[in-house]
Amino acid sequence: MKNIILIGISLFFSNFAFAQKYSSKSGKVTIEASIPMFEDVFAQDDKNAVVLNADTGEIASVSVVKNFKFKVKLMEEHFNESYAETAKYPKATFRGKILNFDKTKLSESPQKFTIQGVLNFHGVDRNVSSPAIISSKEGKIYVKGKFIAKSADFKVTIPKMVMKKVAENVNVEYSYGLIKQ
């Protein structure tokens, strides 16, 4: 029985070891929840980590939520303490798959794909589907996309006094330049 388990574990890790992995520790993710006529609610994380298994199209990313930088420091402080509660929920993660992904068909010309998976933010998992543009150039894979996340879906409460200044729908955009590992 031990031998069967050891063989199974060895096969699992050998398949993983031979997967074509691409990654980046400097992916860009932006969030925007601005309302016209009020101050911009915009933040950016330039340290998003992402890994792509080019054999299967599986993709995963993680953001340290405190890495999101706002133009206004007070807005950043309120975001971290009251909305995102980063002391309690320090990371946002995504695990998913690029549908119909075939690395061999990538070129410098951007192609349209759909990425589906689960986004975890503020301790809540939500299914997300995102249109993405993917290309390949000089050995790198470039992935760009966007989707909308609703604050209420992630149990983020917006205080009544600022409710009219912050959009309920948060525009999320991501951009990655992945290199082979």
C-alpha atoms as a PDB file:
ATOM      1  CA  MET A   1       0.000   0.000   0.000  1.00  0.00           C
ATOM      2  CA  LYS A   2       2.838   2.422   0.859  1.00  0.00           C
ATOM      3  CA  ASN A   3       4.424   1.760  -2.535  1.00  0.00           C
ATOM      4  CA  ILE A   4       1.182   2.595  -4.367  1.00  0.00           C
ATOM      5  CA  ILE A   5       0.860   5.887  -2.471  1.00  0.00           C
ATOM      6  CA  LEU A   6       4.516   6.774  -3.125  1.00  0.00           C
ATOM      7  CA  ILE A   7       4.145   5.994  -6.835  1.00  0.00           C
ATOM      8  CA  GLY A   8       0.974   8.137  -7.003  1.00  0.00           C
ATOM      9  CA  ILE A   9       2.668  11.075  -5.272  1.00  0.00           C
ATOM     10  CA  SER A  10       5.721  10.750  -7.537  1.00  0.00           C
ATOM     11  CA  LEU A  11       3.573  10.754 -10.683  1.00  0.00           C
ATOM     12  CA  PHE A  12       1.624  13.807  -9.465  1.00  0.00           C
ATOM     13  CA  PHE A  13       4.750  15.861  -8.821  1.00  0.00           C
ATOM     14  CA  SER A  14       6.506  14.683 -11.988  1.00  0.00           C
ATOM     15  CA  ASN A  15       3.559  15.899 -14.100  1.00  0.00           C
ATOM     16  CA  PHE A  16       3.587  19.228 -12.274  1.00  0.00           C
ATOM     17  CA  ALA A  17       7.336  19.578 -12.670  1.00  0.00           C
ATOM     18  CA  PHE A  18       7.110  19.205 -16.451  1.00  0.00           C
ATOM     19  CA  ALA A  19       4.237  21.657 -16.874  1.00  0.00           C
ATOM     20  CA  GLN A  20       5.072  24.802 -18.813  1.00  0.00           C
ATOM     21  CA  LYS A  21       4.735  27.405 -16.090  1.00  0.00           C
ATOM     22  CA  TYR A  22       4.782  31.143 -16.700  1.00  0.00           C
ATOM     23  CA  SER A  23       4.699  33.666 -13.881  1.00  0.00           C
ATOM     24  CA  SER A  24       5.112  37.244 -12.773  1.00  0.00           C
ATOM     25  CA  LYS A  25       5.488  39.022  -9.450  1.00  0.00           C
ATOM     26  CA  SER A  26       4.808  42.425 -10.968  1.00  0.00           C
ATOM     27  CA  GLY A  27       1.333  42.084 -12.442  1.00  0.00           C
ATOM     28  CA  LYS A  28      -0.836  45.177 -12.408  1.00  0.00           C
ATOM     29  CA  VAL A  29      -4.369  45.154 -10.977  1.00  0.00           C
ATOM     30  CA  THR A  30      -6.496  48.284 -10.719  1.00  0.00           C
ATOM     31  CA  ILE A  31      -9.783  48.879  -8.969  1.00  0.00           C
ATOM     32  CA  GLU A  32     -12.038  51.825  -9.735  1.00  0.00           C
ATOM     33  CA  ALA A  33     -15.346  52.759  -8.102  1.00  0.00           C
ATOM     34  CA  SER A  34     -15.693  56.430  -9.003  1.00  0.00           C
ATOM     35  CA  ILE A  35     -18.924  58.393  -9.259  1.00  0.00           C
ATOM     36  CA  PRO A  36     -19.023  61.407 -11.629  1.00  0.00           C
ATOM     37  CA  MET A  37     -18.729  64.780  -9.856  1.00  0.00           C
ATOM     38  CA  PHE A  38     -16.924  63.250  -6.864  1.00  0.00           C
ATOM     39  CA  GLU A  39     -13.326  62.395  -6.061  1.00  0.00           C
ATOM     40  CA  ASP A  40     -11.829  59.504  -8.036  1.00  0.00           C
ATOM     41  CA  VAL A  41     -11.939  56.187  -6.206  1.00  0.00           C
ATOM     42  CA  PHE A  42      -9.022  54.454  -7.902  1.00  0.00           C
ATOM     43  CA  ALA A  43      -6.222  52.204  -6.648  1.00  0.00           C
ATOM     44  CA  GLN A  44      -3.486  50.108  -8.208  1.00  0.00           C
ATOM     45  CA  ASP A  45      -1.422  47.100  -7.129  1.00  0.00           C
ATOM     46  CA  ASP A  46       1.803  46.660  -9.131  1.00  0.00           C
ATOM     47  CA  LYS A  47       2.933  43.608  -7.160  1.00  0.00           C
ATOM     48  CA  ASN A  48       0.229  41.102  -8.067  1.00  0.00           C
ATOM     49  CA  ALA A  49       1.707  37.606  -8.317  1.00  0.00           C
ATOM     50  CA  VAL A  50       0.339  35.318 -11.018  1.00  0.00           C
ATOM     51  CA  VAL A  51       1.120  31.813 -12.299  1.00  0.00           C
ATOM     52  CA  LEU A  52      -0.106  30.250 -15.547  1.00  0.00           C
ATOM     53  CA  ASN A  53       0.124  26.562 -16.424  1.00  0.00           C
ATOM     54  CA  ALA A  54       0.498  26.891 -20.200  1.00  0.00           C
ATOM     55  CA  ASP A  55      -0.307  23.193 -20.708  1.00  0.00           C
ATOM     56  CA  THR A  56      -3.770  23.386 -19.101  1.00  0.00           C
ATOM     57  CA  GLY A  57      -4.682  27.095 -19.106  1.00  0.00           C
ATOM     58  CA  GLU A  58      -5.010  27.103 -15.317  1.00  0.00           C
ATOM     59  CA  ILE A  59      -4.205  30.500 -13.854  1.00  0.00           C
ATOM     60  CA  ALA A  60      -3.931  31.788 -10.286  1.00  0.00           C
ATOM     61  CA  SER A  61      -3.091  35.141  -8.765  1.00  0.00           C
ATOM     62  CA  VAL A  62      -2.711  36.748  -5.364  1.00  0.00           C
ATOM     63  CA  SER A  63      -2.697  40.368  -4.250  1.00  0.00           C
ATOM     64  CA  VAL A  64      -1.672  41.606  -0.848  1.00  0.00           C
ATOM     65  CA  VAL A  65      -4.594  43.994  -0.392  1.00  0.00           C
ATOM     66  CA  LYS A  66      -2.459  46.622   1.364  1.00  0.00           C
ATOM     67  CA  ASN A  67      -0.453  46.897  -1.874  1.00  0.00           C
ATOM     68  CA  PHE A  68      -3.325  48.797  -3.505  1.00  0.00           C
ATOM     69  CA  LYS A  69      -2.192  52.418  -3.595  1.00  0.00           C
ATOM     70  CA  PHE A  70      -4.655  55.326  -3.781  1.00  0.00           C
ATOM     71  CA  LYS A  71      -3.873  58.926  -4.768  1.00  0.00           C
ATOM     72  CA  VAL A  72      -5.384  60.111  -1.486  1.00  0.00           C
ATOM     73  CA  LYS A  73      -3.746  58.546   1.581  1.00  0.00           C
ATOM     74  CA  LEU A  74      -6.880  59.011   3.728  1.00  0.00           C
ATOM     75  CA  MET A  75      -8.915  57.074   1.158  1.00  0.00           C
ATOM     76  CA  GLU A  76      -6.290  54.292   1.254  1.00  0.00           C
ATOM     77  CA  GLU A  77      -6.475  54.217   5.054  1.00  0.00           C
ATOM     78  CA  HIS A  78     -10.285  53.962   5.030  1.00  0.00           C
ATOM     79  CA  PHE A  79     -10.126  51.252   2.365  1.00  0.00           C
ATOM     80  CA  ASN A  80      -7.689  49.144   4.420  1.00  0.00           C
ATOM     81  CA  GLU A  81      -9.350  49.648   7.804  1.00  0.00           C
ATOM     82  CA  SER A  82     -13.081  49.860   7.068  1.00  0.00           C
ATOM     83  CA  TYR A  83     -13.855  48.351   3.668  1.00  0.00           C
ATOM     84  CA  ALA A  84     -11.289  45.657   2.902  1.00  0.00           C
ATOM     85  CA  GLU A  85     -10.428  45.028   6.579  1.00  0.00           C
ATOM     86  CA  THR A  86      -6.902  44.041   5.590  1.00  0.00           C
ATOM     87  CA  ALA A  87      -5.898  43.095   9.127  1.00  0.00           C
ATOM     88  CA  LYS A  88      -8.519  40.325   8.970  1.00  0.00           C
ATOM     89  CA  TYR A  89      -8.411  39.611   5.204  1.00  0.00           C
ATOM     90  CA  PRO A  90      -4.871  40.442   4.017  1.00  0.00           C
ATOM     91  CA  LYS A  91      -5.015  38.776   0.574  1.00  0.00           C
ATOM     92  CA  ALA A  92      -7.252  38.608  -2.470  1.00  0.00           C
ATOM     93  CA  THR A  93      -6.861  35.483  -4.593  1.00  0.00           C
ATOM     94  CA  PHE A  94      -8.082  34.185  -7.923  1.00  0.00           C
ATOM     95  CA  ARG A  95      -7.978  30.595  -9.186  1.00  0.00           C
ATOM     96  CA  GLY A  96      -9.357  29.751 -12.567  1.00  0.00           C
ATOM     97  CA  LYS A  97      -8.865  28.641 -16.127  1.00  0.00           C
ATOM     98  CA  ILE A  98      -8.473  30.264 -19.526  1.00  0.00           C
ATOM     99  CA  LEU A  99     -11.129  28.555 -21.640  1.00  0.00           C
ATOM    100  CA  ASN A 100      -9.956  26.933 -24.890  1.00  0.00           C
ATOM    101  CA  PHE A 101      -6.359  27.956 -24.184  1.00  0.00           C
ATOM    102  CA  ASP A 102      -3.702  26.594 -26.538  1.00  0.00           C
ATOM    103  CA  LYS A 103      -0.259  28.114 -26.073  1.00  0.00           C
ATOM    104  CA  THR A 104       0.884  26.869 -29.489  1.00  0.00           C
ATOM    105  CA  LYS A 105      -1.684  29.113 -31.205  1.00  0.00           C
ATOM    106  CA  LEU A 106      -0.606  32.316 -29.447  1.00  0.00           C
ATOM    107  CA  SER A 107       1.077  35.031 -31.503  1.00  0.00           C
ATOM    108  CA  GLU A 108       1.896  38.729 -31.326  1.00  0.00           C
ATOM    109  CA  SER A 109      -1.653  39.424 -32.504  1.00  0.00           C
ATOM    110  CA  PRO A 110      -3.908  39.610 -29.432  1.00  0.00           C
ATOM    111  CA  GLN A 111      -6.613  36.945 -29.275  1.00  0.00           C
ATOM    112  CA  LYS A 112      -9.845  36.972 -27.286  1.00  0.00           C
ATOM    113  CA  PHE A 113     -10.358  34.428 -24.514  1.00  0.00           C
ATOM    114  CA  THR A 114     -12.587  34.001 -21.485  1.00  0.00           C
ATOM    115  CA  ILE A 115     -11.141  33.408 -18.037  1.00  0.00           C
ATOM    116  CA  GLN A 116     -13.433  31.775 -15.475  1.00  0.00           C
ATOM    117  CA  GLY A 117     -12.708  31.046 -11.854  1.00  0.00           C
ATOM    118  CA  VAL A 118     -13.198  31.978  -8.233  1.00  0.00           C
ATOM    119  CA  LEU A 119     -12.209  35.323  -6.759  1.00  0.00           C
ATOM    120  CA  ASN A 120     -11.749  35.459  -2.999  1.00  0.00           C
ATOM    121  CA  PHE A 121     -11.895  38.931  -1.464  1.00  0.00           C
ATOM    122  CA  HIS A 122     -12.876  39.958   2.049  1.00  0.00           C
ATOM    123  CA  GLY A 123     -13.224  36.275   2.957  1.00  0.00           C
ATOM    124  CA  VAL A 124     -15.900  35.654   0.308  1.00  0.00           C
ATOM    125  CA  ASP A 125     -15.593  33.388  -2.761  1.00  0.00           C
ATOM    126  CA  ARG A 126     -17.399  34.466  -5.935  1.00  0.00           C
ATOM    127  CA  ASN A 127     -17.425  33.013  -9.426  1.00  0.00           C
ATOM    128  CA  VAL A 128     -16.004  35.443 -11.975  1.00  0.00           C
ATOM    129  CA  SER A 129     -15.975  35.378 -15.757  1.00  0.00           C
ATOM    130  CA  SER A 130     -13.739  37.824 -17.571  1.00  0.00           C
ATOM    131  CA  PRO A 131     -13.049  38.563 -21.217  1.00  0.00           C
ATOM    132  CA  ALA A 132      -9.292  38.658 -21.773  1.00  0.00           C
ATOM    133  CA  ILE A 133      -6.876  39.521 -24.537  1.00  0.00           C
ATOM    134  CA  ILE A 134      -3.820  37.239 -24.705  1.00  0.00           C
ATOM    135  CA  SER A 135      -0.732  37.408 -26.896  1.00  0.00           C
ATOM    136  CA  SER A 136       2.822  36.108 -26.966  1.00  0.00           C
ATOM    137  CA  LYS A 137       5.976  37.976 -27.871  1.00  0.00           C
ATOM    138  CA  GLU A 138       9.665  37.215 -27.363  1.00  0.00           C
ATOM    139  CA  GLY A 139       8.938  34.279 -25.058  1.00  0.00           C
ATOM    140  CA  LYS A 140       6.490  36.165 -22.817  1.00  0.00           C
ATOM    141  CA  ILE A 141       2.744  35.687 -22.527  1.00  0.00           C
ATOM    142  CA  TYR A 142       0.702  38.869 -22.100  1.00  0.00           C
ATOM    143  CA  VAL A 143      -2.735  38.716 -20.465  1.00  0.00           C
ATOM    144  CA  LYS A 144      -5.093  41.703 -20.120  1.00  0.00           C
ATOM    145  CA  GLY A 145      -8.683  41.745 -18.995  1.00  0.00           C
ATOM    146  CA  LYS A 146     -11.375  43.270 -16.864  1.00  0.00           C
ATOM    147  CA  PHE A 147     -14.537  42.480 -14.974  1.00  0.00           C
ATOM    148  CA  ILE A 148     -16.995  44.086 -12.564  1.00  0.00           C
ATOM    149  CA  ALA A 149     -17.253  43.110  -8.906  1.00  0.00           C
ATOM    150  CA  LYS A 150     -20.078  44.308  -6.677  1.00  0.00           C
ATOM    151  CA  SER A 151     -19.065  45.426  -3.194  1.00  0.00           C
ATOM    152  CA  ALA A 152     -22.188  43.858  -1.666  1.00  0.00           C
ATOM    153  CA  ASP A 153     -21.330  40.453  -3.200  1.00  0.00           C
ATOM    154  CA  PHE A 154     -18.154  40.439  -1.115  1.00  0.00           C
ATOM    155  CA  LYS A 155     -19.897  41.668   2.052  1.00  0.00           C
ATOM    156  CA  VAL A 156     -18.164  45.044   1.873  1.00  0.00           C
ATOM    157  CA  THR A 157     -20.313  47.623   3.611  1.00  0.00           C
ATOM    158  CA  ILE A 158     -20.170  51.192   2.361  1.00  0.00           C
ATOM    159  CA  PRO A 159     -21.157  53.709   5.067  1.00  0.00           C
ATOM    160  CA  LYS A 160     -24.254  55.806   4.280  1.00  0.00           C
ATOM    161  CA  MET A 161     -22.356  59.097   4.484  1.00  0.00           C
ATOM    162  CA  VAL A 162     -20.151  58.134   1.498  1.00  0.00           C
ATOM    163  CA  MET A 163     -22.546  55.787  -0.298  1.00  0.00           C
ATOM    164  CA  LYS A 164     -23.303  58.377  -3.000  1.00  0.00           C
ATOM    165  CA  LYS A 165     -19.572  58.981  -3.574  1.00  0.00           C
ATOM    166  CA  VAL A 166     -18.528  55.349  -4.151  1.00  0.00           C
ATOM    167  CA  ALA A 167     -19.903  53.154  -6.937  1.00  0.00           C
ATOM    168  CA  GLU A 168     -21.499  49.844  -5.996  1.00  0.00           C
ATOM    169  CA  ASN A 169     -19.907  48.245  -9.069  1.00  0.00           C
ATOM    170  CA  VAL A 170     -16.120  48.113  -8.879  1.00  0.00           C
ATOM    171  CA  ASN A 171     -14.269  47.962 -12.202  1.00  0.00           C
ATOM    172  CA  VAL A 172     -11.325  45.580 -11.920  1.00  0.00           C
ATOM    173  CA  GLU A 173      -8.624  45.494 -14.597  1.00  0.00           C
ATOM    174  CA  TYR A 174      -5.517  43.313 -14.769  1.00  0.00           C
ATOM    175  CA  SER A 175      -2.424  43.228 -16.936  1.00  0.00           C
ATOM    176  CA  TYR A 176       0.326  40.603 -16.787  1.00  0.00           C
ATOM    177  CA  GLY A 177       3.583  39.989 -18.622  1.00  0.00           C
ATOM    178  CA  LEU A 178       4.452  36.369 -17.791  1.00  0.00           C
ATOM    179  CA  ILE A 179       7.843  34.767 -18.273  1.00  0.00           C
ATOM    180  CA  LYS A 180       8.615  31.052 -18.527  1.00  0.00           C
ATOM    181  CA  GLN A 181       9.903  29.427 -15.356  1.00  0.00           C
END
